[in-house]
Amino acid sequence: MSSLARTRADFPTLHQNVGPHPLVYLDNAATSHKPRAVIDALARYYECDNSNVHRGLHALSMRATDGFDAARARAAKFINAADPAEIVFTRGTTESINLVAQSWGAANLRPGDVILITEMEHHSNLVPWQQIAQRTGATLRYVPVAGENAQHGLDLDALDKLLTPEVKIFAFTHISNTLGTINPAADLCARARKAGALTLLDAAQSIGHEPLDVRAIGCDFLAFSGHKMCGPTGIGVLYGRRELLDAMTPWQSGGGMIANVEYFNTTYKPSPERFEAGTPDVSGAIGLHAAMDYLDALGRPLIAAHDSALAAQARAALAELPGIRILGPLQNSKRSGLVSFAFKDVHAHDIVTFADQDGIALRGGHHCNQPLMRKLGLPSTTRASFYVYNTPEEIDILIKSLRKILKFFGS
């Protein structure tokens, strides 16, 4: 068992019962729990430094500003960005992608241009591109997901054919939140760059689970959320290459992002401030800083190995259950720390509801992947997703519960 299992003591939320059963939390792809270090950082801010930033000359405002600016620098270091100015704070992955679609997309897309995404995208990396395609007249196209015999990876031959000179941006997920497929981000970005297209990487499912280096990956934009990496909800990051951000216009306006306002004209601050209208989520940024420190203290390569081992154990145990269909890659090297599955005669919502009675938190539904689910011929799946505080024993509890549920339904 990985030594990381001992980190459970750092997470207060895990030490509770659901009814008579100890909590087994396997819904980490939806949101992760927060370690004491993050909770303490939030408490310190609100108890000692609560103030607005970049505006006040009093002690509290200056301390809050120092903490907020330090979080931006820490986020740049966390993903190896060249400059803290390449880090824009947002509410999360969804807002980060919308920012690029509405700002960069509105200015650069025209009829005849192509936006390329994949069939495995979360709605947050699909609907914004639908909207901007309708607004600009650009065409939206999809890289197919290969079938189960190809382990639900992307069809790379189709990708090469789709990467025509008309493609202006290729936006894709690093890890599928339904399939668990790990896409070869650096290779995909290199193919797009060769074709003259920009890239946006949705790193929501990978950011807290493995090291990420935007310069090594070669992406032009990257989006992630704090709450999936032990940080607070309501805070996220958009990384963008500096020259791209500097050429983009604000998509929201208000205080904090202006250089000068006259009655009939306004000039804006440079990036990243021009994209952060209004009072920012100061506490969220400070909590995110603490989360990044926490994850790096554990070691992101160790976290990746821990999560992969749990997913491999879960997949092998699930495969022994009757009437099950397991999605995603067979090879551990191509699969993240989540497993989605469906039973022939039992709906995912029933699985999740009955498992909750045993204290197990799972996710059931379409996982904001409705087009993909239709392609797979499934109304929904059950998803078990693992993180640094999960243990092998919790997988045994899950399998025992599933056997009991299947027996109840006569499967």
Protein backbone atom coordinates (compact mmCIF):
# COMPACT_ATOMS: atom_id res chain seq x y z
CA MET A 1 0.00 0.00 0.00
CA SER A 2 1.27 3.44 -0.90
CA SER A 3 2.51 5.59 1.96
CA LEU A 4 0.16 8.24 0.63
CA ALA A 5 -2.73 6.36 2.23
CA ARG A 6 -1.53 7.79 5.54
CA THR A 7 -2.48 11.27 4.37
CA ARG A 8 -6.12 10.49 5.25
CA ALA A 9 -5.47 12.06 8.64
CA ASP A 10 -5.02 15.44 6.91
CA PHE A 11 -8.61 15.48 5.60
CA PRO A 12 -11.22 16.23 8.29
CA THR A 13 -14.24 15.51 6.07
CA LEU A 14 -13.24 11.87 5.65
CA HIS A 15 -13.52 11.13 9.35
CA GLN A 16 -17.27 10.77 9.56
CA ASN A 17 -19.97 8.16 9.21
CA VAL A 18 -22.77 8.04 6.67
CA GLY A 19 -25.44 6.40 8.77
CA PRO A 20 -23.68 3.55 10.60
CA HIS A 21 -20.89 3.23 8.03
CA PRO A 22 -17.57 5.06 7.74
CA LEU A 23 -17.50 7.33 4.70
CA VAL A 24 -15.87 5.83 1.59
CA TYR A 25 -15.49 8.78 -0.76
CA LEU A 26 -15.02 7.69 -4.39
CA ASP A 27 -16.34 10.80 -6.16
CA ASN A 28 -13.08 12.66 -6.58
CA ALA A 29 -13.54 13.35 -10.28
CA ALA A 30 -16.46 15.58 -9.28
CA THR A 31 -14.65 17.32 -6.43
CA SER A 32 -11.86 16.53 -3.98
CA HIS A 33 -11.71 17.05 -0.25
CA LYS A 34 -9.59 19.71 1.39
CA PRO A 35 -6.63 19.02 3.69
CA ARG A 36 -6.25 20.82 7.00
CA ALA A 37 -3.50 22.97 5.45
CA VAL A 38 -5.98 24.49 2.98
CA ILE A 39 -8.71 24.94 5.59
CA ASP A 40 -6.21 26.65 7.90
CA ALA A 41 -5.02 28.97 5.12
CA LEU A 42 -8.61 30.06 4.46
CA ALA A 43 -9.24 30.58 8.16
CA ARG A 44 -6.06 32.65 8.58
CA TYR A 45 -7.04 34.89 5.70
CA TYR A 46 -10.53 35.55 7.03
CA GLU A 47 -9.36 35.89 10.64
CA CYS A 48 -6.36 38.13 9.97
CA ASP A 49 -6.11 39.55 6.45
CA ASN A 50 -9.65 39.85 5.07
CA SER A 51 -9.57 42.85 2.75
CA ASN A 52 -9.79 43.82 -0.90
CA VAL A 53 -6.64 43.72 -2.99
CA HIS A 54 -4.71 46.16 -5.19
CA ARG A 55 -6.67 49.15 -3.88
CA GLY A 56 -5.91 49.80 -0.25
CA LEU A 57 -2.86 51.26 1.43
CA HIS A 58 -3.68 49.91 4.87
CA ALA A 59 -2.00 46.88 6.40
CA LEU A 60 -4.77 44.35 5.79
CA SER A 61 -5.12 45.25 2.13
CA MET A 62 -1.39 45.05 1.59
CA ARG A 63 -1.19 41.63 3.27
CA ALA A 64 -4.14 40.38 1.23
CA THR A 65 -2.54 41.72 -1.96
CA ASP A 66 0.75 40.02 -1.13
CA GLY A 67 -1.08 36.71 -0.61
CA PHE A 68 -3.09 37.05 -3.82
CA ASP A 69 -0.04 37.94 -5.92
CA ALA A 70 1.97 35.11 -4.35
CA ALA A 71 -0.77 32.67 -5.36
CA ARG A 72 -0.46 33.77 -8.98
CA ALA A 73 3.29 33.23 -8.92
CA ARG A 74 2.77 29.83 -7.26
CA ALA A 75 0.28 28.77 -9.94
CA ALA A 76 2.80 29.72 -12.65
CA LYS A 77 5.45 27.61 -10.95
CA PHE A 78 3.00 24.70 -10.49
CA ILE A 79 2.53 24.33 -14.25
CA ASN A 80 5.94 25.75 -15.28
CA ALA A 81 4.55 28.82 -17.02
CA ALA A 82 7.18 31.29 -18.14
CA ASP A 83 5.60 34.31 -16.44
CA PRO A 84 3.04 34.85 -13.63
CA ALA A 85 1.31 37.24 -16.05
CA GLU A 86 0.27 34.16 -18.01
CA ILE A 87 -1.97 33.11 -15.12
CA VAL A 88 -5.54 34.45 -15.07
CA PHE A 89 -7.68 33.64 -12.05
CA THR A 90 -11.20 32.50 -12.91
CA ARG A 91 -14.02 30.67 -11.15
CA GLY A 92 -12.87 27.36 -12.62
CA THR A 93 -12.28 25.37 -15.78
CA THR A 94 -15.68 26.27 -17.20
CA GLU A 95 -15.11 30.01 -16.94
CA SER A 96 -11.56 29.66 -18.26
CA ILE A 97 -12.77 27.94 -21.43
CA ASN A 98 -15.60 30.44 -21.86
CA LEU A 99 -13.10 33.28 -21.55
CA VAL A 100 -11.03 31.92 -24.43
CA ALA A 101 -14.07 31.15 -26.56
CA GLN A 102 -15.69 34.54 -26.01
CA SER A 103 -12.56 36.69 -26.14
CA TRP A 104 -10.09 34.96 -28.46
CA GLY A 105 -12.81 33.17 -30.44
CA ALA A 106 -14.99 36.21 -31.07
CA ALA A 107 -12.01 38.18 -32.38
CA ASN A 108 -10.34 35.49 -34.49
CA LEU A 109 -12.99 33.14 -35.88
CA ARG A 110 -14.78 33.74 -39.16
CA PRO A 111 -17.06 31.78 -41.52
CA GLY A 112 -15.00 29.00 -43.07
CA ASP A 113 -12.83 28.57 -39.99
CA VAL A 114 -12.94 25.32 -38.02
CA ILE A 115 -13.02 24.71 -34.27
CA LEU A 116 -11.85 21.18 -33.53
CA ILE A 117 -12.74 19.32 -30.33
CA THR A 118 -13.20 15.63 -29.48
CA GLU A 119 -16.17 13.37 -28.92
CA MET A 120 -15.13 12.81 -25.29
CA GLU A 121 -15.35 16.44 -24.17
CA HIS A 122 -17.15 17.51 -21.02
CA HIS A 123 -20.00 19.90 -21.79
CA SER A 124 -17.80 22.72 -20.47
CA ASN A 125 -15.45 22.21 -23.40
CA LEU A 126 -18.25 21.67 -25.90
CA VAL A 127 -21.10 24.10 -25.32
CA PRO A 128 -18.89 27.26 -25.30
CA TRP A 129 -17.53 26.26 -28.71
CA GLN A 130 -21.04 25.57 -30.01
CA GLN A 131 -22.03 29.07 -28.95
CA ILE A 132 -19.06 30.84 -30.46
CA ALA A 133 -19.39 28.81 -33.69
CA GLN A 134 -23.00 29.96 -34.01
CA ARG A 135 -21.95 33.53 -33.26
CA THR A 136 -19.04 33.72 -35.69
CA GLY A 137 -20.11 31.33 -38.44
CA ALA A 138 -17.20 29.00 -37.79
CA THR A 139 -17.67 25.24 -38.14
CA LEU A 140 -17.40 22.83 -35.19
CA ARG A 141 -15.86 19.42 -35.88
CA TYR A 142 -15.08 16.42 -33.69
CA VAL A 143 -12.20 13.97 -33.43
CA PRO A 144 -13.85 10.53 -33.05
CA VAL A 145 -13.46 8.32 -30.02
CA ALA A 146 -12.35 4.88 -31.13
CA GLY A 147 -14.40 1.85 -30.07
CA GLU A 148 -13.87 -0.50 -27.17
CA ASN A 149 -11.49 -2.68 -29.19
CA ALA A 150 -9.25 0.41 -29.43
CA GLN A 151 -9.73 1.05 -25.70
CA HIS A 152 -11.68 4.27 -26.13
CA GLY A 153 -8.74 6.40 -27.23
CA LEU A 154 -8.89 9.12 -29.85
CA ASP A 155 -8.77 8.12 -33.50
CA LEU A 156 -5.42 9.71 -34.36
CA ASP A 157 -5.66 8.87 -38.07
CA ALA A 158 -8.92 10.82 -38.17
CA LEU A 159 -7.27 13.66 -36.24
CA ASP A 160 -4.54 14.05 -38.86
CA LYS A 161 -7.19 14.25 -41.60
CA LEU A 162 -9.23 16.76 -39.62
CA LEU A 163 -6.25 19.06 -38.93
CA THR A 164 -6.64 21.08 -42.11
CA PRO A 165 -5.42 24.67 -42.57
CA GLU A 166 -8.96 25.85 -41.73
CA VAL A 167 -8.61 24.66 -38.12
CA LYS A 168 -7.87 27.67 -35.92
CA ILE A 169 -8.03 26.01 -32.51
CA PHE A 170 -8.02 22.44 -31.20
CA ALA A 171 -9.54 22.19 -27.70
CA PHE A 172 -9.36 18.82 -25.96
CA THR A 173 -9.41 17.20 -22.56
CA HIS A 174 -6.26 15.80 -21.01
CA ILE A 175 -8.19 13.07 -19.16
CA SER A 176 -11.75 12.01 -19.96
CA ASN A 177 -13.97 12.33 -16.91
CA THR A 178 -16.08 9.40 -18.17
CA LEU A 179 -13.64 7.04 -19.86
CA GLY A 180 -10.55 7.70 -17.75
CA THR A 181 -8.58 7.89 -21.02
CA ILE A 182 -5.32 9.84 -20.75
CA ASN A 183 -4.81 11.69 -24.00
CA PRO A 184 -1.22 12.21 -25.24
CA ALA A 185 -1.33 15.97 -24.74
CA ALA A 186 2.15 16.84 -25.98
CA ASP A 187 1.71 14.78 -29.14
CA LEU A 188 -1.72 16.26 -29.86
CA CYS A 189 -0.41 19.78 -29.37
CA ALA A 190 2.54 19.09 -31.68
CA ARG A 191 0.21 17.81 -34.42
CA ALA A 192 -2.00 20.87 -34.09
CA ARG A 193 0.96 23.26 -34.07
CA LYS A 194 2.31 21.65 -37.26
CA ALA A 195 -1.09 22.31 -38.86
CA GLY A 196 -1.03 25.95 -37.72
CA ALA A 197 -3.73 25.60 -35.04
CA LEU A 198 -3.73 26.86 -31.47
CA THR A 199 -4.49 24.42 -28.65
CA LEU A 200 -6.49 24.58 -25.44
CA LEU A 201 -6.01 21.79 -22.89
CA ASP A 202 -8.76 21.03 -20.37
CA ALA A 203 -6.69 19.85 -17.40
CA ALA A 204 -9.52 19.64 -14.87
CA GLN A 205 -9.06 15.90 -14.36
CA SER A 206 -5.26 15.83 -14.48
CA ILE A 207 -4.07 18.91 -12.61
CA GLY A 208 -4.09 17.40 -9.13
CA HIS A 209 -3.04 13.92 -10.12
CA GLU A 210 0.20 14.25 -12.08
CA PRO A 211 2.90 16.79 -12.92
CA LEU A 212 1.95 19.27 -15.65
CA ASP A 213 4.42 21.40 -17.60
CA VAL A 214 2.80 23.73 -20.12
CA ARG A 215 6.06 24.40 -21.90
CA ALA A 216 6.83 20.70 -22.31
CA ILE A 217 3.25 19.99 -23.41
CA GLY A 218 3.33 22.91 -25.83
CA CYS A 219 -0.28 24.04 -25.31
CA ASP A 220 -1.33 27.62 -25.98
CA PHE A 221 -4.04 27.68 -23.31
CA LEU A 222 -4.68 25.44 -20.30
CA ALA A 223 -7.65 25.48 -17.92
CA PHE A 224 -8.13 23.94 -14.49
CA SER A 225 -10.20 24.17 -11.30
CA GLY A 226 -9.01 24.39 -7.71
CA HIS A 227 -11.67 22.18 -6.19
CA LYS A 228 -10.50 19.08 -8.05
CA MET A 229 -6.96 19.41 -6.61
CA CYS A 230 -7.63 19.82 -2.88
CA GLY A 231 -8.29 23.56 -3.23
CA PRO A 232 -11.41 25.63 -2.62
CA THR A 233 -14.43 25.79 -4.89
CA GLY A 234 -14.94 28.93 -6.97
CA ILE A 235 -11.30 29.42 -7.96
CA GLY A 236 -9.63 28.28 -11.17
CA VAL A 237 -6.88 29.19 -13.57
CA LEU A 238 -6.56 29.99 -17.23
CA TYR A 239 -3.00 29.78 -18.51
CA GLY A 240 -2.37 31.50 -21.81
CA ARG A 241 0.82 32.35 -23.63
CA ARG A 242 1.57 35.98 -22.90
CA GLU A 243 1.42 37.20 -26.49
CA LEU A 244 -2.01 35.61 -26.93
CA LEU A 245 -3.43 37.09 -23.73
CA ASP A 246 -2.04 40.53 -24.55
CA ALA A 247 -3.83 40.48 -27.92
CA MET A 248 -7.19 39.46 -26.42
CA THR A 249 -9.86 41.92 -25.32
CA PRO A 250 -11.72 41.64 -22.00
CA TRP A 251 -14.91 39.60 -21.99
CA GLN A 252 -16.13 41.05 -18.68
CA SER A 253 -15.66 44.62 -17.53
CA GLY A 254 -15.75 46.57 -14.30
CA GLY A 255 -13.41 47.68 -11.57
CA GLY A 256 -9.89 46.43 -11.20
CA MET A 257 -9.21 45.78 -14.90
CA ILE A 258 -9.05 49.33 -16.18
CA ALA A 259 -6.14 51.69 -16.74
CA ASN A 260 -8.25 54.76 -17.40
CA VAL A 261 -11.99 55.47 -17.74
CA GLU A 262 -13.56 58.49 -19.39
CA TYR A 263 -17.25 59.00 -20.07
CA PHE A 264 -17.01 57.65 -23.60
CA ASN A 265 -13.82 55.63 -23.64
CA THR A 266 -11.90 53.13 -21.51
CA THR A 267 -8.38 51.70 -21.70
CA TYR A 268 -7.54 48.43 -20.01
CA LYS A 269 -4.70 47.08 -17.95
CA PRO A 270 -2.43 44.45 -19.51
CA SER A 271 -3.06 40.77 -18.93
CA PRO A 272 -3.83 39.14 -16.59
CA GLU A 273 -5.61 42.00 -14.79
CA ARG A 274 -7.69 42.90 -17.86
CA PHE A 275 -9.48 39.55 -17.49
CA GLU A 276 -10.18 39.84 -13.75
CA ALA A 277 -12.99 42.37 -13.47
CA GLY A 278 -14.35 43.13 -10.03
CA THR A 279 -13.25 41.87 -6.65
CA PRO A 280 -11.37 38.59 -7.17
CA ASP A 281 -11.68 35.45 -5.09
CA VAL A 282 -8.81 36.39 -2.80
CA SER A 283 -9.42 33.64 -0.28
CA GLY A 284 -9.80 31.08 -3.05
CA ALA A 285 -6.43 32.03 -4.54
CA ILE A 286 -4.77 31.81 -1.13
CA GLY A 287 -6.40 28.43 -0.52
CA LEU A 288 -5.27 27.27 -3.96
CA HIS A 289 -1.71 28.29 -3.07
CA ALA A 290 -1.90 26.09 0.03
CA ALA A 291 -3.29 23.19 -2.03
CA MET A 292 -0.42 23.41 -4.53
CA ASP A 293 2.10 23.44 -1.69
CA TYR A 294 0.39 20.41 -0.16
CA LEU A 295 0.38 18.39 -3.38
CA ASP A 296 3.99 19.17 -4.15
CA ALA A 297 5.00 18.20 -0.61
CA LEU A 298 3.41 14.79 -1.21
CA GLY A 299 4.94 14.55 -4.69
CA ARG A 300 2.78 14.55 -7.79
CA PRO A 301 4.56 11.54 -9.38
CA LEU A 302 3.75 9.54 -6.24
CA ILE A 303 0.14 10.69 -6.39
CA ALA A 304 -0.12 9.56 -10.01
CA ALA A 305 1.29 6.12 -9.15
CA HIS A 306 -1.03 5.77 -6.15
CA ASP A 307 -4.14 6.67 -8.15
CA SER A 308 -3.16 4.39 -11.03
CA ALA A 309 -2.63 1.44 -8.70
CA LEU A 310 -6.06 1.91 -7.13
CA ALA A 311 -7.73 2.16 -10.53
CA ALA A 312 -6.00 -1.03 -11.69
CA GLN A 313 -7.13 -2.85 -8.55
CA ALA A 314 -10.69 -1.60 -8.96
CA ARG A 315 -10.89 -2.50 -12.64
CA ALA A 316 -9.64 -6.04 -12.01
CA ALA A 317 -12.13 -6.56 -9.17
CA LEU A 318 -15.04 -5.05 -11.10
CA ALA A 319 -14.34 -7.30 -14.07
CA GLU A 320 -15.31 -10.31 -11.95
CA LEU A 321 -18.86 -9.02 -11.41
CA PRO A 322 -21.65 -10.40 -13.61
CA GLY A 323 -23.26 -8.34 -16.37
CA ILE A 324 -20.78 -5.47 -16.16
CA ARG A 325 -19.44 -3.27 -18.94
CA ILE A 326 -16.30 -1.34 -18.03
CA LEU A 327 -15.35 1.71 -20.09
CA GLY A 328 -11.94 3.05 -20.97
CA PRO A 329 -8.46 1.68 -21.59
CA LEU A 330 -7.25 -1.70 -20.38
CA GLN A 331 -3.63 -0.54 -20.11
CA ASN A 332 -2.88 1.17 -16.82
CA SER A 333 -0.50 3.57 -18.55
CA LYS A 334 -3.39 4.92 -20.62
CA ARG A 335 -5.93 5.12 -17.77
CA SER A 336 -6.30 7.66 -14.99
CA GLY A 337 -7.49 7.02 -11.45
CA LEU A 338 -11.15 6.51 -12.32
CA VAL A 339 -13.28 3.65 -13.56
CA SER A 340 -16.73 3.99 -15.17
CA PHE A 341 -18.96 0.97 -15.49
CA ALA A 342 -22.51 -0.07 -16.25
CA PHE A 343 -24.58 -3.13 -15.38
CA LYS A 344 -26.92 -4.65 -17.90
CA ASP A 345 -30.02 -4.71 -15.67
CA VAL A 346 -29.38 -2.09 -12.96
CA HIS A 347 -29.48 1.67 -13.56
CA ALA A 348 -26.52 3.74 -12.37
CA HIS A 349 -28.75 5.86 -10.13
CA ASP A 350 -29.90 2.73 -8.31
CA ILE A 351 -26.29 1.65 -7.84
CA VAL A 352 -25.32 5.04 -6.41
CA THR A 353 -28.39 5.24 -4.14
CA PHE A 354 -27.88 1.77 -2.68
CA ALA A 355 -24.11 2.27 -2.31
CA ASP A 356 -24.77 5.43 -0.33
CA GLN A 357 -26.60 3.29 2.23
CA ASP A 358 -23.26 1.55 2.78
CA GLY A 359 -21.49 4.90 3.19
CA ILE A 360 -19.97 4.87 -0.31
CA ALA A 361 -20.00 8.05 -2.40
CA LEU A 362 -20.07 7.29 -6.14
CA ARG A 363 -21.23 9.28 -9.15
CA GLY A 364 -23.97 8.08 -11.47
CA GLY A 365 -25.30 9.71 -14.62
CA HIS A 366 -24.04 11.02 -17.95
CA HIS A 367 -21.17 12.97 -16.31
CA CYS A 368 -21.81 16.01 -18.54
CA ASN A 369 -20.96 13.79 -21.52
CA GLN A 370 -24.36 13.31 -23.16
CA PRO A 371 -23.15 13.06 -26.80
CA LEU A 372 -20.49 10.53 -25.80
CA MET A 373 -23.01 8.47 -23.84
CA ARG A 374 -25.29 8.31 -26.87
CA LYS A 375 -22.39 7.12 -29.00
CA LEU A 376 -21.64 4.41 -26.44
CA GLY A 377 -25.29 3.37 -26.35
CA LEU A 378 -25.59 4.02 -22.63
CA PRO A 379 -28.04 6.20 -20.68
CA SER A 380 -25.55 6.53 -17.82
CA THR A 381 -22.66 4.93 -16.00
CA THR A 382 -21.50 4.58 -12.44
CA ARG A 383 -18.10 6.16 -11.79
CA ALA A 384 -15.64 5.42 -9.02
CA SER A 385 -12.78 7.92 -8.93
CA PHE A 386 -9.77 7.76 -6.64
CA TYR A 387 -7.40 10.21 -5.04
CA VAL A 388 -4.50 10.51 -2.69
CA TYR A 389 -6.48 9.63 0.46
CA ASN A 390 -8.20 6.50 -0.87
CA THR A 391 -7.04 3.03 0.14
CA PRO A 392 -7.14 -0.50 -1.28
CA GLU A 393 -9.45 -1.51 1.55
CA GLU A 394 -12.05 0.97 0.28
CA ILE A 395 -12.14 -0.85 -3.05
CA ASP A 396 -12.88 -4.09 -1.20
CA ILE A 397 -15.78 -2.32 0.53
CA LEU A 398 -17.05 -1.07 -2.84
CA ILE A 399 -16.98 -4.55 -4.41
CA LYS A 400 -18.76 -6.07 -1.41
CA SER A 401 -21.47 -3.43 -1.68
CA LEU A 402 -21.88 -3.95 -5.43
CA ARG A 403 -22.27 -7.69 -4.97
CA LYS A 404 -25.01 -7.06 -2.42
CA ILE A 405 -26.77 -4.60 -4.77
CA LEU A 406 -26.62 -7.02 -7.70
CA LYS A 407 -28.07 -9.77 -5.53
CA PHE A 408 -30.92 -7.47 -4.49
CA PHE A 409 -31.76 -6.79 -8.14
CA GLY A 410 -31.46 -10.45 -9.05
CA SER A 411 -28.42 -9.98 -11.26
